[in-house]
Amino acid sequence: MPYAITQTCCSDATCVKVCPVNCIHPTPDEPDFGTTEMLYIDPATCIDCSACADACPVDAIFPVDKLTAQLKPYAEVNAAYYADRSVEHHDPAPNFHRWGPPVFHRNIPSDFAPLDVAVVGTGPAGMYAVEDLLLHTNARVTLIDRLPVAGGLVRYGVAPDHPSTKKISETFRRFHTHPRLRLRLGVEVGKDVSVDELAAKHDAVIYAVGASSARSLGIPGEDLPGSVPATEVVAWYNGHPDVAADAIDLSAERIVLVGNGNVALDVARILTSDPKTLAGTTISPTALAQLRASKVREVVLLARRGPDAAAYTSPELLALAQREDVDLVVDAHDPQVAATIDAAEPGTKAALLQGIQRESVDWSAPPSHARRRVVLRFNSAPQEVLGETQVRALRVTGGVEIAAGRVIRAVGYRGTELPGLPFDAETGTIPHEGGRVRPGTYVVGWIKRGPSGGIGANRTCAQETVGTLLDDAVAGRIGKTRAVMG
């Protein structure tokens, strides 16, 4: 029985490395890698060896005949990826991969002196850089984070009802006790130590500081009380120390979420969840208590474009659609939305909505108290947040007013400027070439490429940056330091 990759796939390609028959695609050397929503197992090639399931850092791979009811659609999701692709099926021989000439992506002299490297940030991008340095070089690494707890995006960005995704932190945490690594938590660059001081005490510094600030809507009223960025909501339910435990008010019956990416779906899912299902997760205890007393009955996901161009990934929508305790509804305000869904080809995002209830919603009326629900409203852009001292509604395309007591802005993340480093205010990133800001200073992750790609995308991103760093070291562009960080 073949295996299938499911919702929590992190796309870091650990499974690809251990597969003996090359049945998992796209692989890191294929053009599609990093552009697909997840990785896929070819059921016609899989030999049921379980190597991929054993290696998966987020427990996302299962035998097809063992899939739960919620995960059963992933058997077809995996198979559909190969429907129009020509795949070479290997014979079951002792060696399933073709032999090829050796390829050396890095040329490091055997007598190369150890480098002292600081990595700023303990999220996935920083940890993939640490992994590369510790496993493939003799570098000594100082790992720095401004927060008292390591983990970055995995700890404070992944929703608490995704425990499998959070499991990848176990893979990263094993490096915290590596003999060539020193962990310095509660140290903020720009406050406790400057960029120049770090540079003076290390041969190289890699900044993996992410993109933690929220993008603006640029519409009137978005700063009214009751209008908050999704970044704050995510931080609230994950117990981030920068956000007050009672920062989010759940007294409104209807909340409008502007945006329909995966973060928006995470927020909608948490706000409409039965608190009993969140008990025992990593959710903040205060947030859980507030959810138990929540008055929220309906969350509206507002999208500028149609269902064929939705920002969320198919796995996240599947998970939302299969919830038994919450209704999922498509707002039928625009006939083009229904036409797009009905005409959608199998396997597309729009096709996933073909069995979902449609309704022409009266936005002037309060939401029903029968069951909690999530409403998807497509082809509708925000124009103005309405209210005098508090949010009371959101005006959208066509002059429609959606009565709501809260508006959550989920239109993306952006990086913030770090004193002492260049910054591109338009993209919210630090300018670089191959990860190099200047010899000795490097970037990785979202501060390097912008807020795109999931956890696994950081592995190839880190490999590029570390490769650039090593090229500079071999070429003599960075040298040994004389000072030692205390």
Protein backbone atom coordinates (compact mmCIF):
# COMPACT_ATOMS: atom_id res chain seq x y z
CA MET A 1 0.00 0.00 0.00
CA PRO A 2 1.54 3.37 -1.02
CA TYR A 3 2.09 6.25 1.36
CA ALA A 4 0.68 9.78 1.03
CA ILE A 5 1.92 13.16 2.22
CA THR A 6 -0.71 15.17 4.07
CA GLN A 7 -1.62 18.63 5.34
CA THR A 8 1.32 19.39 7.62
CA CYS A 9 4.03 18.84 4.98
CA CYS A 10 6.87 21.30 5.64
CA SER A 11 8.55 20.75 2.23
CA ASP A 12 12.08 20.61 3.67
CA ALA A 13 12.77 17.50 1.53
CA THR A 14 14.05 15.32 4.36
CA CYS A 15 11.80 12.59 2.94
CA VAL A 16 13.28 12.98 -0.52
CA LYS A 17 16.75 12.12 0.76
CA VAL A 18 15.73 8.79 2.23
CA CYS A 19 13.37 7.55 -0.49
CA PRO A 20 15.06 4.58 -2.25
CA VAL A 21 12.93 4.80 -5.41
CA ASN A 22 12.79 8.56 -6.03
CA CYS A 23 8.99 8.63 -5.72
CA ILE A 24 8.70 11.99 -3.91
CA HIS A 25 8.57 15.16 -5.98
CA PRO A 26 9.39 17.90 -6.62
CA THR A 27 12.93 17.32 -5.43
CA PRO A 28 15.30 20.18 -4.53
CA ASP A 29 17.00 19.93 -7.93
CA GLU A 30 13.74 20.20 -9.89
CA PRO A 31 12.34 23.54 -11.11
CA ASP A 32 9.02 23.16 -9.25
CA PHE A 33 10.66 22.77 -5.84
CA GLY A 34 9.63 25.60 -3.55
CA THR A 35 6.69 26.58 -5.77
CA THR A 36 4.24 23.78 -4.97
CA GLU A 37 2.00 23.75 -1.92
CA MET A 38 3.60 20.55 -0.63
CA LEU A 39 5.57 17.51 -1.77
CA TYR A 40 3.81 14.50 -3.31
CA ILE A 41 4.34 10.73 -3.35
CA ASP A 42 3.80 8.90 -6.63
CA PRO A 43 1.55 5.92 -5.71
CA ALA A 44 2.68 4.00 -8.79
CA THR A 45 6.33 4.11 -7.69
CA CYS A 46 6.08 3.94 -3.89
CA ILE A 47 7.24 0.55 -2.54
CA ASP A 48 5.73 0.92 0.94
CA CYS A 49 9.10 0.97 2.71
CA SER A 50 8.08 3.65 5.28
CA ALA A 51 11.50 5.37 5.09
CA CYS A 52 9.87 8.72 4.32
CA ALA A 53 7.40 8.42 7.21
CA ASP A 54 10.21 7.60 9.62
CA ALA A 55 12.26 10.59 8.46
CA CYS A 56 9.46 13.18 8.26
CA PRO A 57 10.10 15.84 10.94
CA VAL A 58 6.42 16.86 11.13
CA ASP A 59 4.62 13.47 10.99
CA ALA A 60 2.90 14.28 7.72
CA ILE A 61 3.28 10.92 5.91
CA PHE A 62 0.98 7.92 6.36
CA PRO A 63 0.02 4.73 4.49
CA VAL A 64 -3.01 5.43 2.31
CA ASP A 65 -5.03 2.69 4.02
CA LYS A 66 -4.32 4.26 7.42
CA LEU A 67 -5.47 7.79 6.57
CA THR A 68 -8.13 9.20 8.87
CA ALA A 69 -11.40 10.48 7.44
CA GLN A 70 -10.05 14.03 7.41
CA LEU A 71 -6.84 12.99 5.65
CA LYS A 72 -8.31 10.57 3.08
CA PRO A 73 -8.51 13.29 0.36
CA TYR A 74 -4.70 13.41 0.37
CA ALA A 75 -4.50 10.04 -1.36
CA GLU A 76 -6.06 11.73 -4.39
CA VAL A 77 -4.09 14.94 -3.86
CA ASN A 78 -0.83 12.99 -4.12
CA ALA A 79 -1.95 10.93 -7.11
CA ALA A 80 -3.35 13.97 -8.94
CA TYR A 81 0.07 15.62 -8.97
CA TYR A 82 1.34 12.84 -11.24
CA ALA A 83 -1.72 12.59 -13.49
CA ASP A 84 -0.21 14.74 -16.26
CA ARG A 85 3.46 14.09 -15.50
CA SER A 86 5.74 11.51 -17.04
CA VAL A 87 7.52 9.66 -14.25
CA GLU A 88 10.16 7.00 -14.73
CA HIS A 89 9.27 3.93 -12.67
CA HIS A 90 12.31 2.08 -11.31
CA ASP A 91 12.77 -1.67 -11.14
CA PRO A 92 13.15 -3.04 -7.60
CA ALA A 93 16.90 -3.52 -7.59
CA PRO A 94 19.42 -3.02 -4.75
CA ASN A 95 20.26 0.48 -5.98
CA PHE A 96 17.29 2.47 -7.19
CA HIS A 97 19.01 5.73 -8.10
CA ARG A 98 21.13 6.28 -11.15
CA TRP A 99 24.83 6.66 -10.60
CA GLY A 100 26.19 9.95 -11.81
CA PRO A 101 29.43 11.87 -11.63
CA PRO A 102 30.21 13.33 -8.21
CA VAL A 103 29.11 16.92 -7.75
CA PHE A 104 30.88 19.21 -5.30
CA HIS A 105 28.89 22.36 -4.63
CA ARG A 106 31.51 23.68 -2.20
CA ASN A 107 35.27 23.58 -2.33
CA ILE A 108 36.70 23.92 1.18
CA PRO A 109 40.43 23.30 1.78
CA SER A 110 41.11 20.37 4.13
CA ASP A 111 43.22 22.58 6.42
CA PHE A 112 40.63 25.37 6.58
CA ALA A 113 40.67 27.08 9.98
CA PRO A 114 37.40 27.09 11.97
CA LEU A 115 35.25 30.17 11.53
CA ASP A 116 33.46 31.94 14.37
CA VAL A 117 29.94 32.62 13.11
CA ALA A 118 27.03 34.33 14.87
CA VAL A 119 23.51 33.46 13.78
CA VAL A 120 20.85 35.94 14.90
CA GLY A 121 17.43 34.27 15.11
CA THR A 122 16.36 30.80 16.26
CA GLY A 123 13.51 30.26 13.80
CA PRO A 124 13.65 27.80 10.88
CA ALA A 125 15.85 30.00 8.66
CA GLY A 126 18.44 30.51 11.37
CA MET A 127 18.39 26.87 12.41
CA TYR A 128 18.83 25.54 8.88
CA ALA A 129 21.89 27.80 8.63
CA VAL A 130 23.14 26.46 11.98
CA GLU A 131 22.55 22.89 10.81
CA ASP A 132 24.53 23.48 7.62
CA LEU A 133 27.43 25.10 9.49
CA LEU A 134 27.67 22.46 12.22
CA LEU A 135 27.21 19.40 10.02
CA HIS A 136 29.22 20.46 6.99
CA THR A 137 31.96 22.73 8.35
CA ASN A 138 34.10 23.00 11.47
CA ALA A 139 32.67 26.42 12.37
CA ARG A 140 31.97 27.52 15.92
CA VAL A 141 28.50 29.03 16.15
CA THR A 142 26.99 31.54 18.56
CA LEU A 143 23.20 31.39 18.26
CA ILE A 144 21.44 34.56 19.41
CA ASP A 145 17.77 35.42 19.95
CA ARG A 146 16.18 38.46 21.56
CA LEU A 147 13.46 36.33 23.18
CA PRO A 148 13.98 34.18 26.29
CA VAL A 149 12.66 31.09 24.46
CA ALA A 150 14.11 29.70 21.23
CA GLY A 151 11.94 28.72 18.27
CA GLY A 152 11.02 31.85 16.35
CA LEU A 153 8.24 31.25 13.83
CA VAL A 154 7.75 27.62 14.87
CA ARG A 155 7.14 28.57 18.50
CA TYR A 156 5.23 31.83 18.03
CA GLY A 157 3.84 31.65 14.48
CA VAL A 158 2.49 28.12 13.94
CA ALA A 159 -1.09 27.68 15.16
CA PRO A 160 -1.42 25.67 18.37
CA ASP A 161 -3.77 23.16 16.71
CA HIS A 162 -0.94 22.16 14.35
CA PRO A 163 1.21 20.16 16.79
CA SER A 164 2.74 18.07 14.01
CA THR A 165 4.15 21.18 12.33
CA LYS A 166 5.56 22.35 15.65
CA LYS A 167 7.37 19.01 15.99
CA ILE A 168 10.06 20.24 13.64
CA SER A 169 11.34 22.25 16.60
CA GLU A 170 12.61 18.95 18.01
CA THR A 171 14.86 18.62 14.96
CA PHE A 172 16.23 22.10 15.53
CA ARG A 173 16.50 21.82 19.29
CA ARG A 174 19.05 19.01 19.12
CA PHE A 175 21.59 21.53 17.80
CA HIS A 176 21.24 23.70 20.91
CA THR A 177 23.50 21.29 22.80
CA HIS A 178 26.03 20.77 20.02
CA PRO A 179 29.60 21.10 21.41
CA ARG A 180 30.44 23.83 18.87
CA LEU A 181 27.37 25.95 19.60
CA ARG A 182 26.72 28.57 22.27
CA LEU A 183 23.11 29.64 22.80
CA ARG A 184 22.53 33.25 23.88
CA LEU A 185 18.85 33.96 24.57
CA GLY A 186 17.46 37.32 25.67
CA VAL A 187 20.07 39.22 23.65
CA GLU A 188 18.66 41.86 21.30
CA VAL A 189 20.80 43.17 18.46
CA GLY A 190 20.52 46.94 18.37
CA LYS A 191 19.87 47.14 22.10
CA ASP A 192 22.14 44.75 24.02
CA VAL A 193 24.75 44.46 21.30
CA SER A 194 25.24 46.44 18.10
CA VAL A 195 25.72 45.20 14.55
CA ASP A 196 29.27 46.57 14.62
CA GLU A 197 30.08 44.83 17.90
CA LEU A 198 28.88 41.48 16.56
CA ALA A 199 30.91 41.97 13.40
CA ALA A 200 34.03 42.78 15.41
CA LYS A 201 33.76 39.60 17.47
CA HIS A 202 32.94 37.12 14.71
CA ASP A 203 34.26 36.19 11.29
CA ALA A 204 30.72 36.31 9.97
CA VAL A 205 27.20 37.15 11.18
CA ILE A 206 24.06 35.67 9.62
CA TYR A 207 20.84 37.59 10.30
CA ALA A 208 17.71 35.41 10.35
CA VAL A 209 15.42 37.96 11.97
CA GLY A 210 12.32 37.22 9.90
CA ALA A 211 9.49 39.54 8.93
CA SER A 212 7.42 40.15 12.02
CA SER A 213 5.59 43.40 11.29
CA ALA A 214 2.24 43.65 9.50
CA ARG A 215 1.55 45.19 6.12
CA SER A 216 -0.91 48.07 6.06
CA LEU A 217 -4.23 48.10 4.18
CA GLY A 218 -3.84 51.78 3.34
CA ILE A 219 -7.54 52.53 3.83
CA PRO A 220 -9.34 55.06 6.07
CA GLY A 221 -10.18 53.86 9.56
CA GLU A 222 -7.79 50.94 9.75
CA ASP A 223 -6.27 52.33 12.97
CA LEU A 224 -9.61 52.50 14.80
CA PRO A 225 -9.87 50.58 18.09
CA GLY A 226 -11.07 47.10 17.19
CA SER A 227 -8.94 46.93 14.03
CA VAL A 228 -5.83 44.81 14.65
CA PRO A 229 -3.20 43.07 12.54
CA ALA A 230 -3.26 39.28 12.31
CA THR A 231 0.34 39.28 13.54
CA GLU A 232 -0.96 40.48 16.92
CA VAL A 233 -3.68 37.82 17.05
CA VAL A 234 -1.20 35.05 16.21
CA ALA A 235 1.19 36.34 18.85
CA TRP A 236 -1.69 36.53 21.37
CA TYR A 237 -2.85 32.93 21.04
CA ASN A 238 0.75 31.68 21.00
CA GLY A 239 1.70 33.58 24.16
CA HIS A 240 4.33 35.84 22.61
CA PRO A 241 5.96 37.98 25.33
CA ASP A 242 5.64 41.15 23.22
CA VAL A 243 1.83 40.99 23.26
CA ALA A 244 -0.35 41.46 26.32
CA ALA A 245 -2.22 38.33 27.37
CA ASP A 246 -5.56 40.16 27.07
CA ALA A 247 -4.72 42.06 23.88
CA ILE A 248 -7.54 40.58 21.77
CA ASP A 249 -11.18 41.41 22.54
CA LEU A 250 -13.61 38.62 21.60
CA SER A 251 -16.83 40.43 22.52
CA ALA A 252 -17.93 40.93 18.88
CA GLU A 253 -20.23 38.34 17.28
CA ARG A 254 -18.84 38.95 13.78
CA ILE A 255 -15.20 39.47 12.86
CA VAL A 256 -13.98 40.34 9.36
CA LEU A 257 -10.58 39.03 8.37
CA VAL A 258 -9.14 40.97 5.45
CA GLY A 259 -7.08 38.46 3.48
CA ASN A 260 -7.40 34.75 2.78
CA GLY A 261 -3.89 33.35 3.06
CA ASN A 262 -2.92 30.55 5.42
CA VAL A 263 -2.44 32.96 8.33
CA ALA A 264 -6.01 34.23 7.85
CA LEU A 265 -7.28 30.64 7.82
CA ASP A 266 -5.29 29.89 10.98
CA VAL A 267 -6.85 32.86 12.78
CA ALA A 268 -10.36 32.02 11.56
CA ARG A 269 -9.94 28.42 12.65
CA ILE A 270 -8.70 29.30 16.14
CA LEU A 271 -11.40 31.94 16.71
CA THR A 272 -14.19 29.50 15.79
CA SER A 273 -12.75 26.39 17.45
CA ASP A 274 -14.35 24.60 20.34
CA PRO A 275 -11.97 25.53 23.19
CA LYS A 276 -12.06 21.91 24.35
CA THR A 277 -10.14 20.91 21.23
CA LEU A 278 -7.37 23.40 22.05
CA ALA A 279 -6.87 22.29 25.65
CA GLY A 280 -3.57 20.50 26.00
CA THR A 281 -1.99 22.31 23.04
CA THR A 282 0.63 25.06 23.19
CA ILE A 283 -2.02 27.79 23.17
CA SER A 284 -1.62 30.54 25.73
CA PRO A 285 -3.66 29.67 28.85
CA THR A 286 -5.06 33.21 28.95
CA ALA A 287 -6.08 33.04 25.29
CA LEU A 288 -7.78 29.70 25.91
CA ALA A 289 -9.73 31.18 28.81
CA GLN A 290 -10.83 34.10 26.61
CA LEU A 291 -11.93 31.71 23.86
CA ARG A 292 -14.09 29.86 26.38
CA ALA A 293 -15.94 33.14 27.04
CA SER A 294 -15.87 34.31 23.41
CA LYS A 295 -18.98 35.75 21.77
CA VAL A 296 -17.65 35.24 18.23
CA ARG A 297 -20.18 33.40 16.04
CA GLU A 298 -18.96 34.24 12.56
CA VAL A 299 -15.65 35.03 10.88
CA VAL A 300 -15.68 36.49 7.36
CA LEU A 301 -12.63 36.00 5.13
CA LEU A 302 -12.49 38.84 2.62
CA ALA A 303 -10.57 38.30 -0.62
CA ARG A 304 -9.91 40.82 -3.38
CA ARG A 305 -9.69 38.13 -6.06
CA GLY A 306 -11.75 35.10 -7.02
CA PRO A 307 -11.65 31.52 -5.70
CA ASP A 308 -9.28 30.46 -8.48
CA ALA A 309 -6.65 32.89 -7.17
CA ALA A 310 -7.07 32.34 -3.44
CA ALA A 311 -3.95 32.89 -1.35
CA TYR A 312 -4.48 29.92 0.96
CA THR A 313 -3.06 26.51 0.12
CA SER A 314 -5.30 23.57 -0.71
CA PRO A 315 -4.30 21.57 2.40
CA GLU A 316 -5.34 24.39 4.72
CA LEU A 317 -8.70 24.84 2.99
CA LEU A 318 -9.31 21.08 3.10
CA ALA A 319 -8.71 21.13 6.85
CA LEU A 320 -11.15 24.02 7.30
CA ALA A 321 -13.82 22.45 5.11
CA GLN A 322 -13.74 19.13 6.98
CA ARG A 323 -14.45 20.54 10.42
CA GLU A 324 -17.61 19.06 11.86
CA ASP A 325 -18.25 21.73 14.47
CA VAL A 326 -18.12 24.80 12.19
CA ASP A 327 -19.99 25.58 8.96
CA LEU A 328 -18.08 26.82 5.91
CA VAL A 329 -20.08 29.08 3.57
CA VAL A 330 -19.31 30.84 0.28
CA ASP A 331 -20.96 34.27 -0.03
CA ALA A 332 -22.99 34.19 -3.25
CA HIS A 333 -22.98 37.97 -3.75
CA ASP A 334 -21.21 37.74 -7.13
CA PRO A 335 -22.45 35.31 -9.84
CA GLN A 336 -18.92 35.14 -11.20
CA VAL A 337 -17.77 33.43 -8.00
CA ALA A 338 -20.25 30.59 -8.45
CA ALA A 339 -19.41 30.31 -12.16
CA THR A 340 -15.70 30.04 -11.41
CA ILE A 341 -16.27 27.34 -8.80
CA ASP A 342 -18.63 25.32 -11.03
CA ALA A 343 -16.23 25.45 -14.00
CA ALA A 344 -13.11 24.64 -12.00
CA GLU A 345 -10.98 21.69 -13.07
CA PRO A 346 -10.44 18.88 -10.54
CA GLY A 347 -7.44 19.46 -8.29
CA THR A 348 -7.65 23.25 -8.40
CA LYS A 349 -8.35 25.49 -5.42
CA ALA A 350 -11.70 26.58 -6.78
CA ALA A 351 -12.78 22.97 -7.28
CA LEU A 352 -12.37 22.33 -3.56
CA LEU A 353 -15.32 24.67 -3.00
CA GLN A 354 -17.74 22.80 -5.27
CA GLY A 355 -19.49 21.05 -2.42
CA ILE A 356 -19.51 24.02 -0.06
CA GLN A 357 -22.78 25.72 0.87
CA ARG A 358 -23.51 29.04 -0.88
CA GLU A 359 -25.58 31.80 0.62
CA SER A 360 -26.53 35.40 -0.09
CA VAL A 361 -25.68 36.91 3.27
CA ASP A 362 -27.59 39.82 4.82
CA TRP A 363 -24.65 41.75 6.24
CA SER A 364 -26.85 44.19 8.12
CA ALA A 365 -28.20 41.39 10.31
CA PRO A 366 -26.29 39.82 13.20
CA PRO A 367 -24.92 36.30 12.68
CA SER A 368 -26.99 33.29 13.64
CA HIS A 369 -26.49 31.76 17.08
CA ALA A 370 -27.08 28.23 15.80
CA ARG A 371 -23.53 27.18 14.85
CA ARG A 372 -20.30 29.03 14.42
CA ARG A 373 -19.33 29.54 10.82
CA VAL A 374 -16.66 30.87 8.49
CA VAL A 375 -17.81 32.80 5.40
CA LEU A 376 -15.61 33.13 2.30
CA ARG A 377 -16.35 36.34 0.39
CA PHE A 378 -14.42 36.61 -2.90
CA ASN A 379 -14.04 39.49 -5.39
CA SER A 380 -14.45 42.00 -2.59
CA ALA A 381 -11.84 44.57 -1.54
CA PRO A 382 -11.87 46.62 1.66
CA GLN A 383 -12.50 50.34 1.18
CA GLU A 384 -13.00 51.81 4.66
CA VAL A 385 -13.20 50.68 8.27
CA LEU A 386 -16.26 52.44 9.70
CA GLY A 387 -16.86 53.72 13.20
CA GLU A 388 -16.25 56.77 15.36
CA THR A 389 -14.55 55.49 18.50
CA GLN A 390 -14.74 51.77 17.71
CA VAL A 391 -15.08 49.54 14.65
CA ARG A 392 -18.72 49.01 13.72
CA ALA A 393 -18.47 47.87 10.07
CA LEU A 394 -16.25 47.44 7.02
CA ARG A 395 -17.21 49.02 3.71
CA VAL A 396 -16.18 46.86 0.75
CA THR A 397 -16.40 46.86 -3.04
CA GLY A 398 -19.77 48.06 -4.28
CA GLY A 399 -20.42 50.13 -1.17
CA VAL A 400 -21.58 47.10 0.82
CA GLU A 401 -21.23 47.54 4.57
CA ILE A 402 -20.45 44.40 6.56
CA ALA A 403 -21.52 45.00 10.15
CA ALA A 404 -18.71 43.80 12.40
CA GLY A 405 -17.28 44.65 15.78
CA ARG A 406 -13.73 43.66 14.86
CA VAL A 407 -11.54 43.82 11.76
CA ILE A 408 -8.36 41.75 11.55
CA ARG A 409 -5.86 42.70 8.86
CA ALA A 410 -4.16 39.62 7.40
CA VAL A 411 -2.55 40.96 4.24
CA GLY A 412 1.01 39.87 4.83
CA TYR A 413 4.18 40.35 6.82
CA ARG A 414 7.17 42.59 6.24
CA GLY A 415 10.61 42.92 7.73
CA THR A 416 11.72 45.79 9.92
CA GLU A 417 14.89 47.84 9.76
CA LEU A 418 17.81 46.79 11.93
CA PRO A 419 20.12 49.66 12.94
CA GLY A 420 23.49 49.30 11.26
CA LEU A 421 22.26 47.33 8.24
CA PRO A 422 20.90 48.54 4.90
CA PHE A 423 17.15 48.19 4.40
CA ASP A 424 14.80 48.27 1.43
CA ALA A 425 11.64 49.95 2.75
CA GLU A 426 9.63 49.01 -0.34
CA THR A 427 10.18 45.25 -0.06
CA GLY A 428 10.77 45.10 3.69
CA THR A 429 14.00 43.17 3.19
CA ILE A 430 17.75 43.65 3.58
CA PRO A 431 19.43 44.01 0.15
CA HIS A 432 21.87 41.22 -0.63
CA GLU A 433 23.54 39.15 -3.35
CA GLY A 434 23.23 35.44 -2.76
CA GLY A 435 22.68 36.17 0.93
CA ARG A 436 25.70 38.49 1.20
CA VAL A 437 24.94 41.99 2.49
CA ARG A 438 28.67 42.69 2.56
CA PRO A 439 31.61 40.37 3.26
CA GLY A 440 31.12 39.16 6.82
CA THR A 441 27.41 40.07 7.00
CA TYR A 442 24.72 37.77 5.59
CA VAL A 443 20.95 37.25 5.63
CA VAL A 444 18.66 34.24 5.40
CA GLY A 445 14.92 33.61 5.48
CA TRP A 446 12.14 36.17 5.13
CA ILE A 447 14.39 39.16 5.84
CA LYS A 448 16.37 37.99 2.81
CA ARG A 449 13.66 37.02 0.32
CA GLY A 450 10.45 38.49 1.76
CA PRO A 451 7.57 36.61 3.44
CA SER A 452 7.28 33.75 0.97
CA GLY A 453 7.62 30.02 1.31
CA GLY A 454 6.97 27.74 4.25
CA ILE A 455 9.32 26.19 6.75
CA GLY A 456 11.09 23.92 4.28
CA ALA A 457 11.88 26.74 1.84
CA ASN A 458 14.37 28.02 4.38
CA ARG A 459 16.62 25.00 3.93
CA THR A 460 17.61 25.84 0.35
CA CYS A 461 17.69 29.53 1.28
CA ALA A 462 20.15 28.77 4.09
CA GLN A 463 22.28 26.57 1.86
CA GLU A 464 22.73 29.46 -0.56
CA THR A 465 23.67 31.89 2.20
CA VAL A 466 26.11 29.52 3.91
CA GLY A 467 27.64 28.72 0.52
CA THR A 468 28.20 32.42 -0.13
CA LEU A 469 29.74 32.82 3.32
CA LEU A 470 32.15 29.95 2.71
CA ASP A 471 33.09 31.33 -0.71
CA ASP A 472 34.03 34.59 0.99
CA ALA A 473 36.06 32.76 3.63
CA VAL A 474 37.97 30.64 1.11
CA ALA A 475 38.66 33.74 -1.00
CA GLY A 476 40.03 35.58 2.04
CA ARG A 477 37.29 38.22 2.06
CA ILE A 478 36.54 37.47 5.70
CA GLY A 479 39.24 36.71 8.29
CA LYS A 480 39.80 35.47 11.80
CA THR A 481 38.63 37.65 14.66
CA ARG A 482 40.83 38.65 17.57
CA ALA A 483 38.13 39.40 20.14
CA VAL A 484 36.01 36.85 21.93
CA MET A 485 32.37 37.48 22.78
CA GLY A 486 31.84 37.26 26.52
